[in-house]
Amino acid sequence: ASMGKSKEISQDLRKRIVDLYKSGSSLGAISKRLAVPRSSVQTIVRKYKHHGTTQHH
């Protein structure tokens, strides 16, 4: 995947994406609200789910 097109997403924005996702927002809603491409939201959420889950429900 080339990183040419996509703007770098700041750590702060990533955190907001993850926070919104955790509070139940859909990817589309997060994308609209933060004006981030849906594909970027999806990538960040996927990484979060892959690495960031410390609790098992």
N, C-alpha and C. Protein backbone atom coordinates (compact mmCIF):
# COMPACT_ATOMS: atom_id res chain seq x y z
N ALA A 1 0.85 -1.20 0.00
CA ALA A 1 0.00 0.00 0.00
C ALA A 1 0.88 1.24 0.00
N SER A 2 0.65 2.11 -0.94
CA SER A 2 1.46 3.33 -0.99
C SER A 2 0.86 4.38 -0.07
N MET A 3 1.73 5.12 0.61
CA MET A 3 1.26 6.13 1.55
C MET A 3 1.23 7.50 0.87
N GLY A 4 1.44 7.54 -0.44
CA GLY A 4 1.56 8.80 -1.14
C GLY A 4 0.34 9.69 -1.02
N LYS A 5 -0.84 9.12 -1.27
CA LYS A 5 -2.04 9.93 -1.33
C LYS A 5 -2.50 10.42 0.03
N SER A 6 -2.43 9.54 1.02
CA SER A 6 -3.09 9.85 2.28
C SER A 6 -2.24 10.78 3.14
N LYS A 7 -2.89 11.75 3.74
CA LYS A 7 -2.20 12.63 4.68
C LYS A 7 -1.89 11.83 5.94
N GLU A 8 -0.81 12.20 6.57
CA GLU A 8 -0.48 11.53 7.84
C GLU A 8 -1.51 11.91 8.88
N ILE A 9 -1.99 10.92 9.58
CA ILE A 9 -3.01 11.17 10.60
C ILE A 9 -2.33 11.30 11.95
N SER A 10 -2.60 12.39 12.62
CA SER A 10 -1.92 12.66 13.87
C SER A 10 -2.35 11.68 14.95
N GLN A 11 -1.48 11.55 15.95
CA GLN A 11 -1.76 10.67 17.08
C GLN A 11 -3.05 11.09 17.77
N ASP A 12 -3.25 12.40 17.87
CA ASP A 12 -4.44 12.94 18.50
C ASP A 12 -5.71 12.51 17.76
N LEU A 13 -5.65 12.60 16.43
CA LEU A 13 -6.80 12.23 15.63
C LEU A 13 -7.07 10.73 15.72
N ARG A 14 -6.00 9.96 15.70
CA ARG A 14 -6.16 8.51 15.88
C ARG A 14 -6.90 8.17 17.16
N LYS A 15 -6.49 8.86 18.23
CA LYS A 15 -7.10 8.61 19.53
C LYS A 15 -8.60 8.95 19.48
N ARG A 16 -8.92 10.06 18.81
CA ARG A 16 -10.33 10.45 18.71
C ARG A 16 -11.12 9.43 17.90
N ILE A 17 -10.51 8.92 16.84
CA ILE A 17 -11.17 7.89 16.03
C ILE A 17 -11.46 6.67 16.89
N VAL A 18 -10.45 6.23 17.62
CA VAL A 18 -10.61 5.04 18.47
C VAL A 18 -11.65 5.28 19.57
N ASP A 19 -11.60 6.47 20.17
CA ASP A 19 -12.57 6.80 21.22
C ASP A 19 -14.00 6.77 20.68
N LEU A 20 -14.21 7.37 19.50
CA LEU A 20 -15.54 7.37 18.89
C LEU A 20 -15.97 5.94 18.58
N TYR A 21 -15.02 5.17 18.06
CA TYR A 21 -15.33 3.79 17.72
C TYR A 21 -15.74 3.00 18.97
N LYS A 22 -14.99 3.20 20.04
CA LYS A 22 -15.29 2.50 21.30
C LYS A 22 -16.65 2.91 21.85
N SER A 23 -17.05 4.17 21.60
CA SER A 23 -18.33 4.60 22.13
C SER A 23 -19.48 4.25 21.20
N GLY A 24 -19.18 3.50 20.15
CA GLY A 24 -20.24 2.92 19.34
C GLY A 24 -20.51 3.57 18.00
N SER A 25 -19.69 4.56 17.61
CA SER A 25 -19.90 5.18 16.30
C SER A 25 -19.49 4.24 15.18
N SER A 26 -20.21 4.33 14.08
CA SER A 26 -19.85 3.53 12.91
C SER A 26 -18.68 4.19 12.20
N LEU A 27 -18.01 3.42 11.33
CA LEU A 27 -16.88 3.97 10.59
C LEU A 27 -17.31 5.16 9.75
N GLY A 28 -18.47 5.05 9.11
CA GLY A 28 -18.97 6.14 8.28
C GLY A 28 -19.21 7.41 9.09
N ALA A 29 -19.77 7.25 10.28
CA ALA A 29 -20.07 8.39 11.14
C ALA A 29 -18.78 9.07 11.61
N ILE A 30 -17.80 8.26 11.97
CA ILE A 30 -16.50 8.80 12.39
C ILE A 30 -15.85 9.56 11.24
N SER A 31 -15.91 8.96 10.06
CA SER A 31 -15.34 9.57 8.87
C SER A 31 -15.94 10.95 8.61
N LYS A 32 -17.27 11.02 8.67
CA LYS A 32 -17.94 12.31 8.46
C LYS A 32 -17.59 13.31 9.55
N ARG A 33 -17.65 12.85 10.77
CA ARG A 33 -17.49 13.77 11.91
C ARG A 33 -16.10 14.37 11.97
N LEU A 34 -15.09 13.57 11.67
CA LEU A 34 -13.71 14.05 11.79
C LEU A 34 -13.10 14.42 10.44
N ALA A 35 -13.91 14.28 9.37
CA ALA A 35 -13.44 14.59 8.02
C ALA A 35 -12.16 13.82 7.67
N VAL A 36 -12.21 12.52 7.95
CA VAL A 36 -11.11 11.62 7.64
C VAL A 36 -11.67 10.61 6.64
N PRO A 37 -10.90 10.26 5.62
CA PRO A 37 -11.41 9.26 4.67
C PRO A 37 -11.78 7.97 5.37
N ARG A 38 -12.88 7.36 4.92
CA ARG A 38 -13.37 6.15 5.57
C ARG A 38 -12.31 5.05 5.59
N SER A 39 -11.52 5.00 4.51
CA SER A 39 -10.48 3.97 4.44
C SER A 39 -9.44 4.16 5.53
N SER A 40 -9.15 5.42 5.86
CA SER A 40 -8.20 5.70 6.94
C SER A 40 -8.79 5.31 8.29
N VAL A 41 -10.07 5.64 8.47
CA VAL A 41 -10.75 5.26 9.71
C VAL A 41 -10.69 3.74 9.88
N GLN A 42 -10.97 3.04 8.79
CA GLN A 42 -11.00 1.59 8.82
C GLN A 42 -9.63 1.02 9.20
N THR A 43 -8.58 1.59 8.60
CA THR A 43 -7.21 1.13 8.88
C THR A 43 -6.86 1.32 10.35
N ILE A 44 -7.19 2.49 10.89
CA ILE A 44 -6.85 2.80 12.27
C ILE A 44 -7.63 1.91 13.23
N VAL A 45 -8.91 1.72 12.94
CA VAL A 45 -9.74 0.85 13.79
C VAL A 45 -9.22 -0.58 13.74
N ARG A 46 -8.82 -1.02 12.55
CA ARG A 46 -8.32 -2.38 12.42
C ARG A 46 -7.03 -2.56 13.21
N LYS A 47 -6.14 -1.57 13.11
CA LYS A 47 -4.89 -1.64 13.88
C LYS A 47 -5.18 -1.65 15.37
N TYR A 48 -6.12 -0.79 15.78
CA TYR A 48 -6.49 -0.74 17.18
C TYR A 48 -7.00 -2.09 17.66
N LYS A 49 -7.90 -2.68 16.87
CA LYS A 49 -8.46 -3.97 17.29
C LYS A 49 -7.38 -5.03 17.35
N HIS A 50 -6.41 -4.92 16.44
CA HIS A 50 -5.35 -5.91 16.35
C HIS A 50 -4.37 -5.80 17.50
N HIS A 51 -4.01 -4.57 17.86
CA HIS A 51 -2.95 -4.35 18.84
C HIS A 51 -3.48 -3.84 20.19
N GLY A 52 -4.57 -3.08 20.14
CA GLY A 52 -4.93 -2.27 21.29
C GLY A 52 -5.89 -2.91 22.27
N THR A 53 -6.36 -4.10 21.96
CA THR A 53 -7.33 -4.68 22.89
C THR A 53 -6.60 -5.38 24.02
N THR A 54 -6.81 -4.86 25.21
CA THR A 54 -6.17 -5.46 26.37
C THR A 54 -7.17 -6.28 27.17
N GLN A 55 -8.45 -5.99 26.96
CA GLN A 55 -9.46 -6.71 27.72
C GLN A 55 -10.23 -7.66 26.80
N HIS A 56 -10.57 -8.80 27.35
CA HIS A 56 -11.40 -9.74 26.63
C HIS A 56 -12.76 -9.76 27.29
N HIS A 57 -13.78 -9.49 26.49
CA HIS A 57 -15.13 -9.46 27.07
C HIS A 57 -15.70 -10.86 27.11
